[in-house]
Amino acid sequence: MKLSVKVDYSCRVLARMARMYGTDVLAHIEELARIEAVPANYLVQILTELRNGGLIVSRRGKQGGYALARPPEEISLYDIVRVIEGDLLETNMAGEGQSGRRVAHVWGEVRREFEGVSRTWTLDKIASKAGEEMYYI
């Protein structure tokens, strides 16, 4: 399993939108791109996918922009990855051979655990720590 840079960018801009949630302020592409260091032209494509996936809403016009479609505590990493990449861990185990069934069972367990953990990490949890970390040398 390899998560794309698109997932990383999506998580970062959605965390930013989570910090803005509950205000009447909408996120703008230029600001999101600058603050989260995401190429603006690529961000347009990502925001379209997030909107089509039901994670954000958009408003057109001079007062337009983007906002989360639901509260940050209701949007998990699992939701984000599913919209951007599809299944988190796809397995095509045939279950053949002497060990095939056991191997398929183990990978199924790994998938369930991974999905379970990714469902517990929601945007409110991610956004609450982002930008607050201190690093000392």
N, C-alpha and C. Protein backbone atom coordinates (compact mmCIF):
# COMPACT_ATOMS: atom_id res chain seq x y z
N MET A 1 0.85 -1.17 0.00
CA MET A 1 0.00 0.00 0.00
C MET A 1 0.89 1.23 0.00
N LYS A 2 0.56 2.17 -0.86
CA LYS A 2 1.29 3.42 -0.94
C LYS A 2 0.27 4.54 -1.11
N LEU A 3 0.29 5.49 -0.20
CA LEU A 3 -0.62 6.62 -0.30
C LEU A 3 0.03 7.70 -1.14
N SER A 4 -0.74 8.31 -2.00
CA SER A 4 -0.23 9.31 -2.93
C SER A 4 -0.06 10.67 -2.27
N VAL A 5 0.67 11.52 -2.96
CA VAL A 5 0.83 12.90 -2.51
C VAL A 5 -0.54 13.60 -2.52
N LYS A 6 -1.45 13.14 -3.37
CA LYS A 6 -2.79 13.73 -3.42
C LYS A 6 -3.52 13.52 -2.08
N VAL A 7 -3.31 12.37 -1.44
CA VAL A 7 -3.90 12.12 -0.13
C VAL A 7 -3.29 13.08 0.89
N ASP A 8 -1.98 13.25 0.84
CA ASP A 8 -1.30 14.16 1.75
C ASP A 8 -1.85 15.58 1.59
N TYR A 9 -1.90 16.06 0.36
CA TYR A 9 -2.44 17.40 0.11
C TYR A 9 -3.88 17.52 0.58
N SER A 10 -4.67 16.50 0.33
CA SER A 10 -6.08 16.52 0.74
C SER A 10 -6.21 16.63 2.25
N CYS A 11 -5.43 15.85 2.96
CA CYS A 11 -5.48 15.89 4.42
C CYS A 11 -5.09 17.27 4.94
N ARG A 12 -4.06 17.86 4.34
CA ARG A 12 -3.59 19.17 4.79
C ARG A 12 -4.62 20.26 4.56
N VAL A 13 -5.22 20.31 3.37
CA VAL A 13 -6.19 21.37 3.11
C VAL A 13 -7.48 21.14 3.90
N LEU A 14 -7.85 19.88 4.11
CA LEU A 14 -9.04 19.60 4.91
C LEU A 14 -8.81 19.94 6.38
N ALA A 15 -7.59 19.73 6.87
CA ALA A 15 -7.27 20.14 8.25
C ALA A 15 -7.39 21.65 8.38
N ARG A 16 -6.94 22.37 7.36
CA ARG A 16 -7.07 23.83 7.36
C ARG A 16 -8.55 24.23 7.39
N MET A 17 -9.35 23.57 6.57
CA MET A 17 -10.79 23.87 6.55
C MET A 17 -11.44 23.50 7.88
N ALA A 18 -10.93 22.48 8.54
CA ALA A 18 -11.47 22.08 9.85
C ALA A 18 -11.25 23.20 10.87
N ARG A 19 -10.11 23.88 10.79
CA ARG A 19 -9.85 25.00 11.70
C ARG A 19 -10.78 26.17 11.43
N MET A 20 -11.29 26.26 10.21
CA MET A 20 -12.19 27.35 9.83
C MET A 20 -13.66 26.99 10.07
N TYR A 21 -13.92 25.72 10.37
CA TYR A 21 -15.30 25.25 10.50
C TYR A 21 -16.02 26.00 11.62
N GLY A 22 -17.25 26.35 11.38
CA GLY A 22 -18.05 27.05 12.37
C GLY A 22 -18.00 28.56 12.23
N THR A 23 -17.12 29.04 11.38
CA THR A 23 -17.07 30.47 11.09
C THR A 23 -17.82 30.67 9.77
N ASP A 24 -18.05 31.87 9.42
CA ASP A 24 -18.69 32.15 8.13
C ASP A 24 -17.67 32.39 7.04
N VAL A 25 -16.41 32.11 7.33
CA VAL A 25 -15.34 32.34 6.38
C VAL A 25 -15.16 31.09 5.52
N LEU A 26 -15.12 31.30 4.21
CA LEU A 26 -14.88 30.20 3.28
C LEU A 26 -13.41 30.18 2.88
N ALA A 27 -12.90 28.99 2.61
CA ALA A 27 -11.51 28.83 2.19
C ALA A 27 -11.40 29.15 0.71
N HIS A 28 -10.31 29.79 0.33
CA HIS A 28 -10.06 30.15 -1.06
C HIS A 28 -8.83 29.38 -1.55
N ILE A 29 -8.85 29.04 -2.80
CA ILE A 29 -7.79 28.21 -3.37
C ILE A 29 -6.41 28.83 -3.15
N GLU A 30 -6.27 30.10 -3.43
CA GLU A 30 -4.96 30.75 -3.30
C GLU A 30 -4.44 30.68 -1.87
N GLU A 31 -5.31 30.93 -0.91
CA GLU A 31 -4.92 30.90 0.50
C GLU A 31 -4.57 29.47 0.94
N LEU A 32 -5.40 28.51 0.57
CA LEU A 32 -5.13 27.12 0.91
C LEU A 32 -3.79 26.67 0.31
N ALA A 33 -3.57 27.01 -0.93
CA ALA A 33 -2.34 26.63 -1.61
C ALA A 33 -1.12 27.23 -0.91
N ARG A 34 -1.22 28.50 -0.55
CA ARG A 34 -0.09 29.17 0.10
C ARG A 34 0.16 28.60 1.50
N ILE A 35 -0.87 28.52 2.32
CA ILE A 35 -0.71 28.09 3.71
C ILE A 35 -0.27 26.63 3.82
N GLU A 36 -0.83 25.78 2.98
CA GLU A 36 -0.54 24.35 3.07
C GLU A 36 0.50 23.87 2.06
N ALA A 37 1.12 24.80 1.33
CA ALA A 37 2.19 24.47 0.38
C ALA A 37 1.76 23.41 -0.63
N VAL A 38 0.63 23.69 -1.27
CA VAL A 38 0.08 22.80 -2.30
C VAL A 38 0.01 23.59 -3.60
N PRO A 39 0.48 23.03 -4.70
CA PRO A 39 0.38 23.74 -5.98
C PRO A 39 -1.09 24.07 -6.31
N ALA A 40 -1.36 25.33 -6.58
CA ALA A 40 -2.74 25.79 -6.78
C ALA A 40 -3.44 25.07 -7.93
N ASN A 41 -2.73 24.84 -9.04
CA ASN A 41 -3.38 24.18 -10.17
C ASN A 41 -3.76 22.73 -9.85
N TYR A 42 -2.96 22.06 -9.03
CA TYR A 42 -3.27 20.70 -8.59
C TYR A 42 -4.38 20.72 -7.55
N LEU A 43 -4.40 21.74 -6.72
CA LEU A 43 -5.40 21.87 -5.67
C LEU A 43 -6.81 21.97 -6.25
N VAL A 44 -6.95 22.62 -7.39
CA VAL A 44 -8.26 22.72 -8.04
C VAL A 44 -8.81 21.32 -8.32
N GLN A 45 -7.98 20.44 -8.83
CA GLN A 45 -8.41 19.07 -9.12
C GLN A 45 -8.78 18.32 -7.84
N ILE A 46 -7.99 18.50 -6.80
CA ILE A 46 -8.23 17.83 -5.53
C ILE A 46 -9.55 18.30 -4.92
N LEU A 47 -9.77 19.60 -4.93
CA LEU A 47 -11.00 20.14 -4.36
C LEU A 47 -12.23 19.64 -5.12
N THR A 48 -12.10 19.47 -6.41
CA THR A 48 -13.21 18.92 -7.20
C THR A 48 -13.52 17.49 -6.76
N GLU A 49 -12.49 16.69 -6.57
CA GLU A 49 -12.70 15.31 -6.10
C GLU A 49 -13.31 15.28 -4.70
N LEU A 50 -12.84 16.15 -3.82
CA LEU A 50 -13.38 16.20 -2.46
C LEU A 50 -14.84 16.65 -2.47
N ARG A 51 -15.16 17.59 -3.35
CA ARG A 51 -16.55 18.03 -3.48
C ARG A 51 -17.42 16.92 -4.04
N ASN A 52 -16.95 16.27 -5.10
CA ASN A 52 -17.71 15.16 -5.69
C ASN A 52 -17.88 14.00 -4.72
N GLY A 53 -16.92 13.85 -3.81
CA GLY A 53 -17.00 12.80 -2.79
C GLY A 53 -17.82 13.17 -1.58
N GLY A 54 -18.34 14.40 -1.55
CA GLY A 54 -19.21 14.81 -0.46
C GLY A 54 -18.51 15.27 0.80
N LEU A 55 -17.22 15.52 0.74
CA LEU A 55 -16.50 15.98 1.93
C LEU A 55 -16.50 17.49 2.09
N ILE A 56 -16.60 18.20 0.98
CA ILE A 56 -16.65 19.67 1.03
C ILE A 56 -17.78 20.18 0.15
N VAL A 57 -18.12 21.43 0.37
CA VAL A 57 -19.09 22.13 -0.47
C VAL A 57 -18.41 23.37 -1.02
N SER A 58 -18.93 23.87 -2.11
CA SER A 58 -18.34 25.08 -2.69
C SER A 58 -19.44 26.07 -3.00
N ARG A 59 -19.03 27.33 -3.00
CA ARG A 59 -19.94 28.41 -3.39
C ARG A 59 -19.22 29.25 -4.42
N ARG A 60 -19.89 29.53 -5.51
CA ARG A 60 -19.31 30.32 -6.59
C ARG A 60 -19.48 31.81 -6.35
N GLY A 61 -18.76 32.56 -7.12
CA GLY A 61 -18.92 34.01 -7.10
C GLY A 61 -17.88 34.72 -6.27
N LYS A 62 -18.07 36.03 -6.18
CA LYS A 62 -17.12 36.90 -5.48
C LYS A 62 -16.97 36.51 -4.01
N GLN A 63 -18.04 36.10 -3.38
CA GLN A 63 -18.01 35.69 -1.98
C GLN A 63 -17.87 34.18 -1.84
N GLY A 64 -17.46 33.52 -2.90
CA GLY A 64 -17.39 32.07 -2.94
C GLY A 64 -16.16 31.50 -2.25
N GLY A 65 -16.13 30.18 -2.21
CA GLY A 65 -15.01 29.47 -1.61
C GLY A 65 -15.43 28.06 -1.25
N TYR A 66 -14.70 27.45 -0.34
CA TYR A 66 -14.91 26.06 0.04
C TYR A 66 -15.05 25.92 1.54
N ALA A 67 -15.84 24.93 1.95
CA ALA A 67 -16.02 24.63 3.36
C ALA A 67 -16.30 23.13 3.52
N LEU A 68 -16.09 22.63 4.72
CA LEU A 68 -16.41 21.23 4.98
C LEU A 68 -17.92 21.01 4.83
N ALA A 69 -18.28 19.86 4.32
CA ALA A 69 -19.69 19.52 4.13
C ALA A 69 -20.35 19.06 5.43
N ARG A 70 -19.53 18.63 6.38
CA ARG A 70 -20.04 18.21 7.69
C ARG A 70 -19.00 18.51 8.75
N PRO A 71 -19.34 18.40 10.01
CA PRO A 71 -18.39 18.76 11.07
C PRO A 71 -17.09 17.96 11.00
N PRO A 72 -15.98 18.57 11.43
CA PRO A 72 -14.67 17.91 11.35
C PRO A 72 -14.62 16.57 12.09
N GLU A 73 -15.38 16.44 13.17
CA GLU A 73 -15.37 15.18 13.92
C GLU A 73 -16.10 14.06 13.19
N GLU A 74 -16.74 14.38 12.08
CA GLU A 74 -17.46 13.38 11.28
C GLU A 74 -16.71 13.02 9.99
N ILE A 75 -15.53 13.57 9.79
CA ILE A 75 -14.74 13.26 8.60
C ILE A 75 -13.43 12.62 9.05
N SER A 76 -13.22 11.37 8.68
CA SER A 76 -12.05 10.63 9.12
C SER A 76 -11.03 10.48 7.99
N LEU A 77 -9.82 10.06 8.38
CA LEU A 77 -8.81 9.74 7.38
C LEU A 77 -9.32 8.67 6.43
N TYR A 78 -10.08 7.74 6.95
CA TYR A 78 -10.66 6.69 6.12
C TYR A 78 -11.52 7.32 5.02
N ASP A 79 -12.37 8.29 5.39
CA ASP A 79 -13.23 8.95 4.41
C ASP A 79 -12.41 9.64 3.33
N ILE A 80 -11.36 10.32 3.74
CA ILE A 80 -10.52 11.07 2.80
C ILE A 80 -9.84 10.12 1.82
N VAL A 81 -9.22 9.08 2.34
CA VAL A 81 -8.52 8.14 1.47
C VAL A 81 -9.50 7.45 0.53
N ARG A 82 -10.67 7.09 1.02
CA ARG A 82 -11.66 6.43 0.16
C ARG A 82 -12.07 7.33 -1.00
N VAL A 83 -12.24 8.62 -0.74
CA VAL A 83 -12.63 9.54 -1.80
C VAL A 83 -11.49 9.71 -2.81
N ILE A 84 -10.27 9.83 -2.33
CA ILE A 84 -9.13 10.11 -3.21
C ILE A 84 -8.56 8.85 -3.86
N GLU A 85 -8.42 7.77 -3.11
CA GLU A 85 -7.73 6.59 -3.61
C GLU A 85 -8.60 5.35 -3.77
N GLY A 86 -9.74 5.31 -3.13
CA GLY A 86 -10.53 4.08 -3.11
C GLY A 86 -10.21 3.30 -1.85
N ASP A 87 -10.26 1.98 -1.92
CA ASP A 87 -9.98 1.16 -0.74
C ASP A 87 -8.58 1.40 -0.22
N LEU A 88 -8.44 1.36 1.11
CA LEU A 88 -7.14 1.59 1.74
C LEU A 88 -6.15 0.47 1.44
N LEU A 89 -6.62 -0.74 1.48
CA LEU A 89 -5.73 -1.87 1.27
C LEU A 89 -6.51 -2.93 0.50
N GLU A 90 -6.30 -2.92 -0.79
CA GLU A 90 -6.98 -3.90 -1.63
C GLU A 90 -6.14 -5.17 -1.66
N THR A 91 -6.81 -6.28 -1.49
CA THR A 91 -6.11 -7.55 -1.57
C THR A 91 -6.77 -8.41 -2.64
N ASN A 92 -5.97 -9.09 -3.38
CA ASN A 92 -6.45 -10.00 -4.41
C ASN A 92 -5.93 -11.40 -4.13
N MET A 93 -6.08 -11.80 -2.90
CA MET A 93 -5.58 -13.11 -2.49
C MET A 93 -6.53 -14.20 -2.98
N ALA A 94 -5.97 -15.16 -3.68
CA ALA A 94 -6.78 -16.24 -4.24
C ALA A 94 -7.07 -17.32 -3.19
N GLY A 95 -6.27 -17.36 -2.15
CA GLY A 95 -6.48 -18.38 -1.13
C GLY A 95 -6.09 -19.77 -1.60
N GLU A 96 -5.26 -19.86 -2.63
CA GLU A 96 -4.87 -21.15 -3.18
C GLU A 96 -3.59 -21.65 -2.54
N GLY A 97 -3.28 -22.89 -2.78
CA GLY A 97 -2.07 -23.49 -2.24
C GLY A 97 -2.24 -23.85 -0.78
N GLN A 98 -1.21 -24.43 -0.23
CA GLN A 98 -1.28 -24.91 1.14
C GLN A 98 -1.47 -23.77 2.15
N SER A 99 -0.86 -22.63 1.90
CA SER A 99 -0.91 -21.51 2.86
C SER A 99 -1.81 -20.38 2.42
N GLY A 100 -2.41 -20.49 1.26
CA GLY A 100 -3.18 -19.40 0.69
C GLY A 100 -4.30 -18.87 1.57
N ARG A 101 -5.07 -19.77 2.16
CA ARG A 101 -6.19 -19.32 2.99
C ARG A 101 -5.70 -18.56 4.21
N ARG A 102 -4.62 -19.04 4.81
CA ARG A 102 -4.08 -18.37 6.00
C ARG A 102 -3.52 -17.00 5.65
N VAL A 103 -2.79 -16.93 4.55
CA VAL A 103 -2.23 -15.65 4.10
C VAL A 103 -3.37 -14.66 3.82
N ALA A 104 -4.39 -15.09 3.13
CA ALA A 104 -5.54 -14.22 2.84
C ALA A 104 -6.21 -13.76 4.13
N HIS A 105 -6.31 -14.66 5.11
CA HIS A 105 -6.92 -14.31 6.40
C HIS A 105 -6.09 -13.23 7.11
N VAL A 106 -4.77 -13.39 7.11
CA VAL A 106 -3.89 -12.43 7.77
C VAL A 106 -4.01 -11.06 7.12
N TRP A 107 -3.97 -11.01 5.79
CA TRP A 107 -4.10 -9.72 5.11
C TRP A 107 -5.47 -9.10 5.35
N GLY A 108 -6.48 -9.91 5.46
CA GLY A 108 -7.82 -9.38 5.79
C GLY A 108 -7.83 -8.75 7.17
N GLU A 109 -7.14 -9.37 8.11
CA GLU A 109 -7.04 -8.81 9.45
C GLU A 109 -6.27 -7.50 9.45
N VAL A 110 -5.17 -7.46 8.71
CA VAL A 110 -4.38 -6.23 8.61
C VAL A 110 -5.26 -5.12 8.03
N ARG A 111 -6.02 -5.43 7.01
CA ARG A 111 -6.90 -4.42 6.40
C ARG A 111 -7.92 -3.90 7.41
N ARG A 112 -8.55 -4.79 8.14
CA ARG A 112 -9.55 -4.37 9.13
C ARG A 112 -8.94 -3.48 10.20
N GLU A 113 -7.76 -3.84 10.68
CA GLU A 113 -7.09 -3.02 11.69
C GLU A 113 -6.73 -1.65 11.15
N PHE A 114 -6.17 -1.63 9.95
CA PHE A 114 -5.79 -0.36 9.34
C PHE A 114 -7.01 0.53 9.13
N GLU A 115 -8.08 -0.02 8.62
CA GLU A 115 -9.30 0.75 8.44
C GLU A 115 -9.85 1.24 9.77
N GLY A 116 -9.78 0.38 10.79
CA GLY A 116 -10.28 0.78 12.11
C GLY A 116 -9.53 1.97 12.67
N VAL A 117 -8.20 1.94 12.58
CA VAL A 117 -7.39 3.05 13.09
C VAL A 117 -7.64 4.30 12.27
N SER A 118 -7.72 4.17 10.95
CA SER A 118 -7.91 5.36 10.10
C SER A 118 -9.29 5.99 10.32
N ARG A 119 -10.24 5.21 10.80
CA ARG A 119 -11.57 5.77 11.11
C ARG A 119 -11.56 6.56 12.42
N THR A 120 -10.61 6.28 13.31
CA THR A 120 -10.55 6.99 14.59
C THR A 120 -9.90 8.36 14.45
N TRP A 121 -9.08 8.56 13.42
CA TRP A 121 -8.42 9.85 13.21
C TRP A 121 -9.32 10.74 12.37
N THR A 122 -9.94 11.70 13.03
CA THR A 122 -10.85 12.62 12.36
C THR A 122 -10.18 13.99 12.21
N LEU A 123 -10.77 14.81 11.35
CA LEU A 123 -10.18 16.13 11.08
C LEU A 123 -10.07 17.00 12.32
N ASP A 124 -11.00 16.90 13.25
CA ASP A 124 -10.88 17.71 14.46
C ASP A 124 -9.64 17.33 15.26
N LYS A 125 -9.31 16.05 15.30
CA LYS A 125 -8.11 15.61 16.02
C LYS A 125 -6.84 16.04 15.28
N ILE A 126 -6.86 15.94 13.98
CA ILE A 126 -5.69 16.33 13.19
C ILE A 126 -5.48 17.84 13.27
N ALA A 127 -6.53 18.60 13.12
CA ALA A 127 -6.44 20.06 13.11
C ALA A 127 -6.06 20.62 14.47
N SER A 128 -6.40 19.94 15.55
CA SER A 128 -6.12 20.48 16.88
C SER A 128 -4.63 20.51 17.19
N LYS A 129 -3.84 19.64 16.58
CA LYS A 129 -2.40 19.60 16.84
C LYS A 129 -1.58 20.27 15.76
N ALA A 130 -2.11 20.37 14.56
CA ALA A 130 -1.33 20.93 13.45
C ALA A 130 -0.95 22.37 13.75
N GLY A 131 0.28 22.69 13.53
CA GLY A 131 0.75 24.06 13.73
C GLY A 131 1.09 24.38 15.16
N GLU A 132 0.82 23.47 16.10
CA GLU A 132 1.09 23.73 17.50
C GLU A 132 2.34 23.03 17.98
N GLU A 133 2.90 22.18 17.14
CA GLU A 133 4.06 21.40 17.56
C GLU A 133 5.29 22.28 17.61
N MET A 134 6.09 22.05 18.64
CA MET A 134 7.34 22.78 18.82
C MET A 134 8.48 21.79 18.62
N TYR A 135 9.49 22.21 17.90
CA TYR A 135 10.65 21.37 17.68
C TYR A 135 11.86 22.10 18.25
N TYR A 136 12.63 21.39 19.04
CA TYR A 136 13.81 21.98 19.64
C TYR A 136 15.06 21.27 19.13
N ILE A 137 16.08 22.04 18.88
CA ILE A 137 17.35 21.48 18.37
C ILE A 137 18.37 21.51 19.48
